[in-house]
């Protein structure tokens, strides 16, 4: 019996919430019914009344620009929600306990893996280098690999870098950071080993108010084992405990729902931070700012002025030895169902009530639930084949030794999606994503409608698409926002030209742009959930793609082959032409 099925289910008579783990000993003093909640009554800990977040070091603003001194009831830090609160305060006042010291322990589970070495540890160091982490923090690595503290430090020191504009004390900062890094070797399904980790953390926390963050940089099939062991044996006894979960979140609606159900036997929803690193990228962050704070765009953001929206993701390399992992998921699950669909939801959502996480996520869910079911006829799948280019032999997907022979897993997919609501009725949202293409790119392209009765149509000839205004948000590489407009070429006569109004980030903002993982890790520490995926968002996303994925697999649809380094399969152009659209990246 697995850890999910062995856990007892919670009923309406349960007198505790999953955030109060079995090894915690909170002081229970109030019993109340949450207003508007019929599912359960909660015992409430008074932990919050003796809590502070070390205000000197937690005055940072989260990515929505708001100070984050409030905490959620699901983090184990609440008081009676019926009580009134002073203006500008969180759920309770810290004013009487400002001298109480707190600590944050960050445990990277799967510390010996590539993601941890290349992204997570460097992101934590970057936050430390910029003085963004709290005063009292420690980092623990946890994995099955046998090593000691010094070996961990030597391993991660090879990937640490300093900010471009502040190199003067890099070595000192690096050494200080490494001295806060520790390692514990253990099995992922061993409560005993996590109890040993808990003892080590308590020694380093030294009696302070302890907050704990676990980052699961591990395969999804062991998520639940780790969450069970961590929650029962290594959760905080007097502060919050949060868990960051990496994608994939299942393979379809059924497996995703089962994973969520299993996690929620040990965690409350507000303790689960489902990370999609694309939501932490600077241009994705800027999408809502561009739209909601610029009057020139917001009135145009609808079917009345927008002809189509294109979400494009391309990589100029293949699976590169990761074919075994990739073949189990394919490009639709790996990129489209999460990264591109999340960007689409942010792009198309209605104006939220506020910048609070729940208000924004509520609007994203409305978009996802309004989407028309995906039809097979509106989808193109492809797989790259080998060929020679410039005397160099480029491999096919199935040449990867980790890929099963005869695999029909798509390495490229394109789809036409529609949102059946008043704002976007009839506007095609075209997605395409692929590996082994001609360039590396991720961008959002908004093509506006033609000017009615355009006085200068003769100057453009028969191809009116050349006169189309287009707004482009380039997420990577070379972050930029540019607007394609028509203007007159200087000189005698009337010759028109299509030019760019260009905001190139590296030119306008010479300071290095933080990595997406830096922003998301800081938000998780601060309890800001806006850039993380809620369970109902996940359910709605899988509900859209699961029927298509099942149809592709049941009918054994053979992907169209395209050469490594090309623009993808020919069928993608027919898909666009079906909706009278030309892919915007073809002209660049």
Protein backbone atom coordinates (compact mmCIF):
# COMPACT_ATOMS: atom_id res chain seq x y z
CA UNK A 1 0.00 0.00 0.00
CA UNK A 2 1.44 3.36 -1.07
CA UNK A 3 1.74 6.44 1.10
CA UNK A 4 -1.26 8.03 -0.56
CA UNK A 5 -3.67 5.18 0.06
CA UNK A 6 -2.42 4.58 3.58
CA UNK A 7 -3.26 8.05 4.85
CA UNK A 8 -6.53 8.51 6.65
CA UNK A 9 -8.97 10.83 4.94
CA UNK A 10 -10.18 14.03 6.57
CA UNK A 11 -13.88 14.46 7.22
CA UNK A 12 -16.02 17.37 8.30
CA UNK A 13 -15.63 16.31 11.91
CA UNK A 14 -11.85 16.41 11.79
CA UNK A 15 -10.42 18.64 14.48
CA UNK A 16 -7.17 19.50 12.72
CA UNK A 17 -5.98 20.80 9.38
CA UNK A 18 -3.26 19.16 7.26
CA UNK A 19 -0.96 22.09 7.96
CA UNK A 20 -0.76 20.94 11.60
CA UNK A 21 1.44 17.93 10.98
CA UNK A 22 1.40 14.92 13.23
CA UNK A 23 4.77 15.74 14.82
CA UNK A 24 3.78 19.29 15.73
CA UNK A 25 2.69 20.33 19.20
CA UNK A 26 0.89 23.65 18.70
CA UNK A 27 -0.98 25.33 21.52
CA UNK A 28 -4.63 24.89 20.59
CA UNK A 29 -6.93 27.43 22.11
CA UNK A 30 -9.76 28.44 19.79
CA UNK A 31 -12.33 26.41 17.93
CA UNK A 32 -14.40 28.15 15.28
CA UNK A 33 -16.22 27.69 12.04
CA UNK A 34 -14.71 29.60 9.12
CA UNK A 35 -17.38 31.83 7.55
CA UNK A 36 -18.56 30.59 4.20
CA UNK A 37 -16.76 27.26 4.62
CA UNK A 38 -18.93 24.21 5.06
CA UNK A 39 -16.26 21.56 4.63
CA UNK A 40 -14.60 21.50 8.03
CA UNK A 41 -14.01 23.21 11.31
CA UNK A 42 -10.48 24.08 12.33
CA UNK A 43 -8.49 24.01 15.50
CA UNK A 44 -6.46 27.18 15.49
CA UNK A 45 -3.00 27.46 16.91
CA UNK A 46 -1.90 30.54 18.82
CA UNK A 47 1.51 30.17 17.26
CA UNK A 48 0.76 33.34 15.32
CA UNK A 49 0.44 35.43 18.45
CA UNK A 50 4.07 34.78 19.35
CA UNK A 51 5.39 35.07 15.83
CA UNK A 52 7.40 37.59 13.90
CA UNK A 53 9.06 37.26 10.54
CA UNK A 54 12.24 39.07 11.62
CA UNK A 55 10.84 42.29 10.25
CA UNK A 56 14.17 43.92 9.61
CA UNK A 57 14.95 41.31 6.99
CA UNK A 58 11.43 40.55 5.75
CA UNK A 59 10.46 44.04 4.63
CA UNK A 60 11.08 43.03 1.02
CA UNK A 61 8.26 43.44 -1.43
CA UNK A 62 7.04 40.44 -3.38
CA UNK A 63 6.70 40.36 -7.15
CA UNK A 64 3.29 42.03 -6.98
CA UNK A 65 4.86 45.04 -5.27
CA UNK A 66 3.06 44.55 -1.95
CA UNK A 67 4.75 44.07 1.44
CA UNK A 68 4.34 40.52 2.63
CA UNK A 69 3.83 40.53 6.37
CA UNK A 70 0.58 38.57 6.26
CA UNK A 71 0.40 34.81 6.56
CA UNK A 72 -2.19 32.24 5.63
CA UNK A 73 -4.24 30.11 7.99
CA UNK A 74 -2.95 27.10 6.09
CA UNK A 75 0.60 27.94 7.13
CA UNK A 76 -0.36 27.35 10.73
CA UNK A 77 -0.22 31.05 11.66
CA UNK A 78 -3.74 32.42 12.11
CA UNK A 79 -6.09 34.02 14.50
CA UNK A 80 -9.85 34.31 14.45
CA UNK A 81 -10.75 35.62 10.98
CA UNK A 82 -13.86 37.25 12.41
CA UNK A 83 -11.75 39.65 14.42
CA UNK A 84 -11.15 43.09 12.97
CA UNK A 85 -7.65 44.09 11.97
CA UNK A 86 -5.96 47.50 11.84
CA UNK A 87 -5.50 49.19 8.49
CA UNK A 88 -2.30 48.06 6.78
CA UNK A 89 -1.77 45.06 9.04
CA UNK A 90 -1.75 41.39 8.12
CA UNK A 91 -3.91 38.82 9.84
CA UNK A 92 -2.43 39.89 13.17
CA UNK A 93 -0.11 42.54 14.52
CA UNK A 94 3.57 41.91 15.02
CA UNK A 95 4.14 45.08 17.00
CA UNK A 96 4.50 43.37 20.37
CA UNK A 97 6.81 40.60 19.22
CA UNK A 98 9.33 42.36 17.02
CA UNK A 99 12.23 41.07 19.10
CA UNK A 100 11.44 37.40 18.46
CA UNK A 101 14.03 36.00 16.05
CA UNK A 102 12.99 33.72 13.20
CA UNK A 103 14.92 31.51 10.81
CA UNK A 104 14.22 30.01 7.40
CA UNK A 105 15.52 26.56 6.54
CA UNK A 106 15.50 25.73 2.82
CA UNK A 107 15.86 22.04 2.00
CA UNK A 108 16.61 21.08 -1.59
CA UNK A 109 15.42 17.49 -1.98
CA UNK A 110 17.32 15.93 -4.87
CA UNK A 111 20.34 18.13 -4.20
CA UNK A 112 22.71 16.08 -6.37
CA UNK A 113 20.59 16.46 -9.51
CA UNK A 114 21.16 18.79 -12.47
CA UNK A 115 18.27 21.15 -11.68
CA UNK A 116 19.56 21.72 -8.15
CA UNK A 117 23.15 22.29 -9.28
CA UNK A 118 22.38 24.48 -12.30
CA UNK A 119 19.36 26.46 -11.11
CA UNK A 120 18.29 26.18 -7.47
CA UNK A 121 21.58 26.63 -5.60
CA UNK A 122 22.74 29.45 -7.95
CA UNK A 123 19.38 31.19 -7.49
CA UNK A 124 19.67 30.97 -3.71
CA UNK A 125 23.19 32.38 -3.85
CA UNK A 126 22.05 35.21 -6.13
CA UNK A 127 19.35 36.12 -3.60
CA UNK A 128 21.92 36.05 -0.82
CA UNK A 129 24.36 38.14 -2.84
CA UNK A 130 21.66 40.78 -3.36
CA UNK A 131 20.76 40.71 0.38
CA UNK A 132 17.29 39.37 -0.39
CA UNK A 133 17.33 36.44 2.02
CA UNK A 134 16.48 36.79 5.72
CA UNK A 135 19.28 37.21 8.22
CA UNK A 136 18.92 33.73 9.72
CA UNK A 137 18.72 31.25 6.85
CA UNK A 138 20.29 27.88 6.24
CA UNK A 139 20.28 25.62 3.20
CA UNK A 140 20.16 21.83 3.41
CA UNK A 141 20.76 19.45 0.56
CA UNK A 142 19.02 16.08 0.80
CA UNK A 143 19.58 13.17 -1.60
CA UNK A 144 20.46 9.50 -1.71
CA UNK A 145 24.01 10.28 -2.87
CA UNK A 146 26.58 9.78 -0.14
CA UNK A 147 28.53 12.98 0.56
CA UNK A 148 29.36 15.31 3.42
CA UNK A 149 28.92 19.06 3.89
CA UNK A 150 32.25 19.94 2.27
CA UNK A 151 31.57 17.77 -0.76
CA UNK A 152 28.20 19.48 -1.24
CA UNK A 153 29.87 22.89 -1.01
CA UNK A 154 32.52 21.92 -3.54
CA UNK A 155 29.83 20.61 -5.89
CA UNK A 156 27.61 23.71 -5.86
CA UNK A 157 30.50 26.22 -5.77
CA UNK A 158 31.26 25.30 -9.39
CA UNK A 159 27.96 26.78 -10.57
CA UNK A 160 27.77 29.91 -8.42
CA UNK A 161 28.25 33.29 -10.10
CA UNK A 162 28.06 36.90 -8.91
CA UNK A 163 26.03 39.74 -10.30
CA UNK A 164 27.67 41.55 -13.20
CA UNK A 165 27.54 44.99 -11.59
CA UNK A 166 28.82 44.04 -8.12
CA UNK A 167 31.85 41.79 -8.26
CA UNK A 168 34.03 43.42 -5.62
CA UNK A 169 33.17 41.08 -2.73
CA UNK A 170 32.16 38.03 -4.70
CA UNK A 171 34.55 35.55 -3.13
CA UNK A 172 33.68 36.65 0.40
CA UNK A 173 29.96 36.40 -0.28
CA UNK A 174 30.37 33.00 -1.86
CA UNK A 175 32.28 31.66 1.11
CA UNK A 176 29.70 33.06 3.54
CA UNK A 177 26.90 31.43 1.56
CA UNK A 178 28.64 28.06 1.36
CA UNK A 179 29.15 28.04 5.14
CA UNK A 180 25.35 28.11 5.47
CA UNK A 181 24.96 25.02 3.25
CA UNK A 182 24.75 21.56 4.80
CA UNK A 183 24.01 18.07 3.56
CA UNK A 184 22.12 15.03 4.76
CA UNK A 185 22.03 11.76 2.88
CA UNK A 186 18.91 9.65 3.09
CA UNK A 187 16.25 7.67 1.29
CA UNK A 188 13.24 9.54 -0.08
CA UNK A 189 10.75 7.17 1.57
CA UNK A 190 12.43 6.92 4.99
CA UNK A 191 10.72 8.67 7.90
CA UNK A 192 13.75 7.82 10.02
CA UNK A 193 16.11 9.69 7.68
CA UNK A 194 13.85 12.73 7.61
CA UNK A 195 13.70 12.64 11.41
CA UNK A 196 17.52 12.80 11.39
CA UNK A 197 17.30 15.78 9.02
CA UNK A 198 14.87 17.41 11.44
CA UNK A 199 17.38 17.06 14.29
CA UNK A 200 20.10 18.69 12.20
CA UNK A 201 17.83 21.57 11.26
CA UNK A 202 16.81 22.15 14.87
CA UNK A 203 20.47 22.37 15.86
CA UNK A 204 21.07 25.06 13.24
CA UNK A 205 17.81 26.89 14.03
CA UNK A 206 19.00 27.19 17.61
CA UNK A 207 15.60 27.65 19.23
CA UNK A 208 14.44 30.42 16.88
CA UNK A 209 10.98 30.58 15.37
CA UNK A 210 11.54 28.09 12.55
CA UNK A 211 10.08 28.38 9.06
CA UNK A 212 10.84 25.59 6.60
CA UNK A 213 10.72 25.41 2.82
CA UNK A 214 11.20 22.13 0.93
CA UNK A 215 12.05 22.24 -2.78
CA UNK A 216 11.25 18.90 -4.48
CA UNK A 217 13.79 18.65 -7.29
CA UNK A 218 12.98 14.98 -7.84
CA UNK A 219 10.96 12.77 -10.22
CA UNK A 220 7.17 13.05 -9.71
CA UNK A 221 6.77 9.37 -8.81
CA UNK A 222 8.42 10.03 -5.42
CA UNK A 223 6.73 13.37 -4.61
CA UNK A 224 4.23 11.79 -2.25
CA UNK A 225 6.82 9.68 -0.41
CA UNK A 226 8.91 12.74 0.32
CA UNK A 227 5.94 14.91 1.30
CA UNK A 228 4.71 12.21 3.68
CA UNK A 229 8.09 11.81 5.38
CA UNK A 230 8.81 15.54 5.51
CA UNK A 231 5.38 16.41 6.89
CA UNK A 232 5.41 13.71 9.56
CA UNK A 233 9.05 14.01 10.63
CA UNK A 234 10.61 17.28 9.45
CA UNK A 235 7.94 19.98 9.41
CA UNK A 236 8.21 23.07 11.55
CA UNK A 237 6.73 22.81 15.03
CA UNK A 238 6.15 26.54 15.50
CA UNK A 239 6.38 28.26 12.08
CA UNK A 240 5.20 27.65 8.53
CA UNK A 241 6.11 24.70 6.33
CA UNK A 242 5.88 25.04 2.54
CA UNK A 243 6.69 22.70 -0.32
CA UNK A 244 7.70 23.68 -3.87
CA UNK A 245 6.73 21.04 -6.42
CA UNK A 246 8.33 20.90 -9.89
CA UNK A 247 6.45 19.86 -13.02
CA UNK A 248 5.29 17.53 -14.45
CA UNK A 249 2.12 17.51 -12.37
CA UNK A 250 0.87 14.20 -13.75
CA UNK A 251 0.38 13.04 -17.33
CA UNK A 252 -3.36 13.69 -17.66
CA UNK A 253 -6.41 14.73 -15.65
CA UNK A 254 -6.60 11.43 -13.78
CA UNK A 255 -2.95 11.20 -12.71
CA UNK A 256 -2.81 14.91 -11.89
CA UNK A 257 -5.94 14.65 -9.74
CA UNK A 258 -4.52 11.61 -7.95
CA UNK A 259 -1.26 13.44 -7.24
CA UNK A 260 -3.15 16.44 -5.86
CA UNK A 261 -5.33 14.21 -3.68
CA UNK A 262 -2.27 12.43 -2.29
CA UNK A 263 -0.40 15.66 -1.55
CA UNK A 264 -3.42 17.12 0.20
CA UNK A 265 -3.48 14.24 2.67
CA UNK A 266 -0.31 15.77 4.14
CA UNK A 267 -0.46 19.41 3.03
CA UNK A 268 -3.07 22.14 2.72
CA UNK A 269 -3.46 23.78 -0.70
CA UNK A 270 -1.78 26.97 0.50
CA UNK A 271 1.33 25.02 1.48
CA UNK A 272 1.78 23.59 -2.02
CA UNK A 273 3.72 25.84 -4.41
CA UNK A 274 3.50 24.33 -7.91
CA UNK A 275 6.29 26.02 -9.80
CA UNK A 276 6.28 26.91 -13.49
CA UNK A 277 9.50 28.81 -14.03
CA UNK A 278 8.12 30.56 -17.12
CA UNK A 279 5.78 32.54 -14.89
CA UNK A 280 8.87 33.99 -13.20
CA UNK A 281 10.41 35.33 -16.41
CA UNK A 282 10.66 39.09 -16.66
CA UNK A 283 8.59 39.57 -19.82
CA UNK A 284 5.80 37.31 -18.57
CA UNK A 285 5.78 39.36 -15.37
CA UNK A 286 5.60 42.51 -17.47
CA UNK A 287 2.64 41.28 -19.49
CA UNK A 288 -0.01 42.43 -17.03
CA UNK A 289 1.86 45.70 -16.39
CA UNK A 290 1.94 46.46 -20.11
CA UNK A 291 -1.75 45.79 -20.44
CA UNK A 292 -3.29 47.16 -17.25
CA UNK A 293 -1.13 50.25 -16.70
CA UNK A 294 -1.04 51.61 -20.27
CA UNK A 295 -4.21 53.17 -21.61
CA UNK A 296 -2.95 52.80 -25.17
CA UNK A 297 -3.27 48.97 -24.95
CA UNK A 298 -6.13 48.08 -22.60
CA UNK A 299 -8.97 49.39 -24.86
CA UNK A 300 -7.52 47.38 -27.78
CA UNK A 301 -7.26 44.11 -25.83
CA UNK A 302 -10.27 42.30 -27.33
CA UNK A 303 -11.75 40.71 -30.44
CA UNK A 304 -12.66 44.17 -31.76
CA UNK A 305 -9.02 45.03 -32.53
CA UNK A 306 -6.97 41.84 -32.18
CA UNK A 307 -7.03 39.46 -35.15
CA UNK A 308 -5.00 36.62 -33.60
CA UNK A 309 -2.52 35.86 -30.83
CA UNK A 310 0.52 33.61 -31.31
CA UNK A 311 2.48 31.90 -28.54
CA UNK A 312 5.74 30.55 -29.93
CA UNK A 313 8.36 28.39 -28.24
CA UNK A 314 11.32 26.90 -30.07
CA UNK A 315 14.61 25.29 -29.10
CA UNK A 316 17.56 24.87 -31.43
CA UNK A 317 18.65 21.58 -29.86
CA UNK A 318 17.15 18.13 -29.53
CA UNK A 319 16.68 15.89 -26.52
CA UNK A 320 20.47 15.62 -26.02
CA UNK A 321 20.37 12.40 -24.00
CA UNK A 322 17.15 13.30 -22.14
CA UNK A 323 15.07 11.35 -24.61
CA UNK A 324 14.12 8.69 -22.06
CA UNK A 325 12.41 11.29 -19.88
CA UNK A 326 11.01 13.30 -22.78
CA UNK A 327 9.54 10.27 -24.55
CA UNK A 328 7.26 9.63 -21.60
CA UNK A 329 5.73 13.10 -21.88
CA UNK A 330 6.22 14.68 -25.31
CA UNK A 331 6.20 18.34 -26.30
CA UNK A 332 2.50 18.91 -25.54
CA UNK A 333 2.82 17.90 -21.90
CA UNK A 334 6.32 19.35 -21.54
CA UNK A 335 5.65 22.84 -22.93
CA UNK A 336 2.14 23.54 -24.20
CA UNK A 337 -0.05 22.30 -21.34
CA UNK A 338 1.88 24.32 -18.76
CA UNK A 339 4.23 27.09 -19.98
CA UNK A 340 2.27 28.32 -23.00
CA UNK A 341 -1.18 27.77 -21.53
CA UNK A 342 -0.26 29.69 -18.38
CA UNK A 343 0.96 32.61 -20.50
CA UNK A 344 -2.25 32.47 -22.54
CA UNK A 345 -4.35 32.63 -19.37
CA UNK A 346 -2.40 35.66 -18.10
CA UNK A 347 -2.71 37.35 -21.47
CA UNK A 348 -6.46 36.80 -21.91
CA UNK A 349 -7.78 37.19 -18.35
CA UNK A 350 -10.15 39.96 -17.31
CA UNK A 351 -8.94 42.74 -15.03
CA UNK A 352 -8.57 41.19 -11.56
CA UNK A 353 -10.07 42.86 -8.49
CA UNK A 354 -6.56 43.42 -7.12
CA UNK A 355 -3.00 42.18 -7.46
CA UNK A 356 -3.56 39.64 -4.69
CA UNK A 357 -2.70 36.07 -5.66
CA UNK A 358 -6.21 34.67 -5.36
CA UNK A 359 -7.78 37.46 -7.41
CA UNK A 360 -5.34 36.91 -10.28
CA UNK A 361 -5.60 33.13 -10.16
CA UNK A 362 -9.39 33.35 -10.10
CA UNK A 363 -9.32 35.25 -13.40
CA UNK A 364 -6.88 32.77 -14.96
CA UNK A 365 -9.16 29.88 -14.05
CA UNK A 366 -12.12 31.63 -15.71
CA UNK A 367 -10.15 31.83 -18.96
CA UNK A 368 -9.16 28.16 -18.85
CA UNK A 369 -12.72 27.07 -18.15
CA UNK A 370 -14.00 29.18 -21.06
CA UNK A 371 -11.77 27.47 -23.61
CA UNK A 372 -13.32 25.46 -26.42
CA UNK A 373 -12.45 21.73 -26.44
CA UNK A 374 -9.38 21.02 -28.57
CA UNK A 375 -10.08 19.14 -31.81
CA UNK A 376 -7.59 16.85 -33.51
CA UNK A 377 -8.16 18.71 -36.77
CA UNK A 378 -6.83 21.87 -35.11
CA UNK A 379 -3.56 20.22 -34.08
CA UNK A 380 -0.35 19.39 -35.95
CA UNK A 381 2.32 17.12 -34.46
CA UNK A 382 5.83 16.54 -35.75
CA UNK A 383 9.10 14.80 -34.95
CA UNK A 384 12.56 15.87 -36.07
CA UNK A 385 14.55 13.67 -38.40
CA UNK A 386 18.25 13.55 -39.07
CA UNK A 387 19.96 15.16 -42.02
CA UNK A 388 23.30 16.68 -42.98
CA UNK A 389 23.86 20.42 -42.87
CA UNK A 390 27.12 22.11 -43.80
CA UNK A 391 28.89 18.77 -43.75
CA UNK A 392 27.64 18.05 -40.24
CA UNK A 393 25.33 15.12 -39.59
CA UNK A 394 22.42 16.11 -37.34
CA UNK A 395 20.72 13.22 -35.50
CA UNK A 396 17.07 12.22 -35.61
CA UNK A 397 14.99 12.03 -32.43
CA UNK A 398 14.99 8.24 -32.62
CA UNK A 399 18.80 8.22 -32.93
CA UNK A 400 18.95 9.18 -29.24
CA UNK A 401 19.93 5.91 -27.50
CA UNK A 402 17.53 6.66 -24.64
CA UNK A 403 14.53 6.88 -27.01
CA UNK A 404 12.63 3.67 -27.86
CA UNK A 405 13.00 2.64 -31.49
CA UNK A 406 9.96 3.52 -33.57
CA UNK A 407 8.74 6.11 -31.06
CA UNK A 408 5.92 8.37 -32.30
CA UNK A 409 6.25 10.88 -29.45
CA UNK A 410 5.91 14.42 -30.87
CA UNK A 411 8.89 16.76 -30.56
CA UNK A 412 6.81 19.51 -32.21
CA UNK A 413 3.17 20.51 -31.85
CA UNK A 414 0.98 23.38 -32.98
CA UNK A 415 -2.64 24.02 -32.05
CA UNK A 416 -5.42 26.54 -32.65
CA UNK A 417 -7.30 27.35 -29.44
CA UNK A 418 -10.37 29.48 -28.86
CA UNK A 419 -11.83 31.19 -25.81
CA UNK A 420 -15.61 31.23 -25.86
CA UNK A 421 -16.33 34.44 -23.99
CA UNK A 422 -17.45 37.95 -24.93
CA UNK A 423 -13.93 39.41 -25.10
CA UNK A 424 -12.26 36.76 -27.26
CA UNK A 425 -15.04 35.09 -29.25
CA UNK A 426 -13.67 33.98 -32.62
CA UNK A 427 -10.06 35.07 -32.04
CA UNK A 428 -7.63 32.20 -32.78
CA UNK A 429 -4.88 31.69 -30.22
CA UNK A 430 -2.17 29.80 -32.10
CA UNK A 431 0.45 27.86 -30.14
CA UNK A 432 3.50 26.12 -31.46
CA UNK A 433 6.38 24.52 -29.62
CA UNK A 434 9.21 22.35 -30.80
CA UNK A 435 12.71 21.02 -30.41
CA UNK A 436 15.58 20.96 -32.93
CA UNK A 437 14.28 24.01 -34.78
CA UNK A 438 16.23 26.75 -36.55
CA UNK A 439 16.45 29.10 -33.55
CA UNK A 440 15.91 29.42 -29.82
CA UNK A 441 12.90 31.62 -29.12
CA UNK A 442 9.97 32.22 -26.81
CA UNK A 443 7.59 35.04 -27.59
CA UNK A 444 4.03 36.32 -27.63
CA UNK A 445 2.88 37.95 -30.88
CA UNK A 446 -0.34 39.98 -31.07
CA UNK A 447 -1.49 40.71 -34.60
CA UNK A 448 -4.06 43.50 -34.86
CA UNK A 449 -6.80 43.80 -37.43
CA UNK A 450 -6.35 45.63 -40.73
CA UNK A 451 -7.21 49.32 -40.81
CA UNK A 452 -10.72 49.64 -42.31
CA UNK A 453 -10.65 51.52 -45.60
CA UNK A 454 -6.89 52.03 -45.37
CA UNK A 455 -5.98 55.11 -47.43
CA UNK A 456 -2.55 53.64 -48.15
CA UNK A 457 -3.61 50.17 -49.22
CA UNK A 458 -2.21 50.75 -52.72
CA UNK A 459 1.21 51.32 -51.24
CA UNK A 460 1.15 47.86 -49.66
CA UNK A 461 -0.04 46.03 -52.76
CA UNK A 462 -2.20 42.96 -52.41
CA UNK A 463 -0.52 41.68 -49.24
CA UNK A 464 -2.35 43.54 -46.48
CA UNK A 465 -0.55 41.46 -43.84
CA UNK A 466 2.45 43.70 -44.47
CA UNK A 467 0.39 46.57 -43.11
CA UNK A 468 -0.68 44.74 -39.96
CA UNK A 469 0.35 46.25 -36.65
CA UNK A 470 1.95 43.66 -34.42
CA UNK A 471 2.94 43.76 -30.75
CA UNK A 472 5.73 41.34 -29.82
CA UNK A 473 6.88 40.36 -26.34
CA UNK A 474 10.09 38.41 -26.66
CA UNK A 475 10.54 36.32 -23.51
CA UNK A 476 13.89 34.86 -24.58
CA UNK A 477 16.57 35.42 -25.71
CA UNK A 478 17.32 39.16 -25.59
CA UNK A 479 14.19 40.22 -23.75
CA UNK A 480 12.35 42.93 -25.65
CA UNK A 481 8.98 44.53 -26.37
CA UNK A 482 8.43 45.98 -29.80
CA UNK A 483 5.51 47.28 -31.81
CA UNK A 484 5.48 47.03 -35.58
CA UNK A 485 4.04 50.15 -37.17
CA UNK A 486 3.79 51.67 -40.65
CA UNK A 487 5.57 54.91 -41.44
CA UNK A 488 6.75 56.95 -44.42
CA UNK A 489 10.30 56.57 -45.65
CA UNK A 490 11.95 60.03 -45.72
CA UNK A 491 12.32 61.52 -49.18
CA UNK A 492 10.31 62.52 -52.21
CA UNK A 493 7.30 60.43 -53.10
CA UNK A 494 5.20 58.21 -50.88
CA UNK A 495 6.99 55.03 -49.90
CA UNK A 496 5.92 53.22 -46.76
CA UNK A 497 7.99 51.10 -44.48
CA UNK A 498 7.23 48.75 -41.60
CA UNK A 499 9.33 49.75 -38.60
CA UNK A 500 9.72 48.71 -34.97
CA UNK A 501 9.20 50.80 -31.88
CA UNK A 502 11.65 48.78 -29.82
CA UNK A 503 12.28 48.43 -26.10
CA UNK A 504 15.33 46.20 -25.91
CA UNK A 505 15.85 45.39 -22.24
CA UNK A 506 19.63 45.07 -22.34
CA UNK A 507 19.89 48.55 -23.85
CA UNK A 508 17.33 50.24 -21.58
CA UNK A 509 18.14 48.31 -18.41
CA UNK A 510 21.85 47.41 -18.31
CA UNK A 511 21.51 45.71 -14.94
CA UNK A 512 21.37 41.92 -15.20
CA UNK A 513 17.85 40.50 -15.19
CA UNK A 514 17.28 38.06 -12.30
CA UNK A 515 16.70 34.44 -13.19
CA UNK A 516 13.11 33.19 -12.96
CA UNK A 517 14.05 30.80 -10.15
CA UNK A 518 15.31 33.70 -8.03
CA UNK A 519 11.97 35.46 -8.21
CA UNK A 520 9.96 32.31 -7.55
CA UNK A 521 12.10 31.16 -4.63
CA UNK A 522 11.85 34.58 -3.01
CA UNK A 523 8.08 34.60 -3.49
CA UNK A 524 7.79 31.15 -1.90
CA UNK A 525 9.81 32.29 1.11
CA UNK A 526 7.62 35.39 1.40
CA UNK A 527 4.37 33.43 0.96
CA UNK A 528 3.42 35.19 -2.30
CA UNK A 529 1.45 32.68 -4.40
CA UNK A 530 0.55 34.76 -7.45
CA UNK A 531 3.10 33.11 -9.75
CA UNK A 532 2.36 29.56 -8.59
CA UNK A 533 -0.34 27.27 -9.94
CA UNK A 534 -3.45 26.52 -7.89
CA UNK A 535 -5.02 23.06 -8.04
CA UNK A 536 -8.15 24.20 -9.89
CA UNK A 537 -5.93 25.91 -12.50
CA UNK A 538 -4.16 22.62 -12.96
CA UNK A 539 -7.45 20.74 -13.25
CA UNK A 540 -8.73 23.16 -15.91
CA UNK A 541 -5.49 22.93 -17.91
CA UNK A 542 -5.54 19.15 -17.95
CA UNK A 543 -9.26 19.09 -18.78
CA UNK A 544 -8.41 20.97 -21.98
CA UNK A 545 -5.51 18.78 -23.14
CA UNK A 546 -6.31 15.30 -21.79
CA UNK A 547 -8.97 14.37 -24.42
CA UNK A 548 -6.59 15.42 -27.22
CA UNK A 549 -3.66 13.47 -25.74
CA UNK A 550 -5.78 10.34 -25.37
CA UNK A 551 -6.99 10.64 -28.97
CA UNK A 552 -3.44 11.06 -30.27
CA UNK A 553 -2.30 7.97 -28.37
CA UNK A 554 -5.34 5.79 -29.07
CA UNK A 555 -5.28 6.53 -32.80
CA UNK A 556 -1.48 6.25 -32.86
CA UNK A 557 -1.17 9.45 -34.89
CA UNK A 558 2.14 9.43 -36.76
CA UNK A 559 3.96 12.77 -36.40
CA UNK A 560 5.04 14.61 -39.54
CA UNK A 561 8.81 14.50 -39.92
CA UNK A 562 10.83 17.71 -40.21
CA UNK A 563 14.58 18.19 -40.62
CA UNK A 564 16.68 19.03 -37.58
CA UNK A 565 17.33 22.79 -37.70
CA UNK A 566 14.32 23.65 -39.88
CA UNK A 567 11.19 25.71 -39.13
CA UNK A 568 9.13 22.62 -38.33
CA UNK A 569 6.65 20.51 -40.29
CA UNK A 570 4.87 21.93 -43.32
CA UNK A 571 1.49 21.19 -41.77
CA UNK A 572 1.89 24.05 -39.30
CA UNK A 573 1.52 26.56 -42.15
CA UNK A 574 -1.70 24.94 -43.36
CA UNK A 575 -3.06 25.14 -39.82
CA UNK A 576 -2.40 28.88 -39.69
CA UNK A 577 -3.81 29.42 -43.20
CA UNK A 578 -7.00 27.64 -42.12
CA UNK A 579 -7.71 30.62 -39.86
CA UNK A 580 -6.29 33.22 -42.27
CA UNK A 581 -3.19 33.70 -40.14
CA UNK A 582 0.49 33.97 -41.08
CA UNK A 583 3.04 33.01 -38.45
CA UNK A 584 4.72 36.23 -37.37
CA UNK A 585 8.16 34.69 -36.83
CA UNK A 586 8.52 33.68 -40.48
CA UNK A 587 9.47 37.21 -41.52
CA UNK A 588 12.34 37.43 -39.01
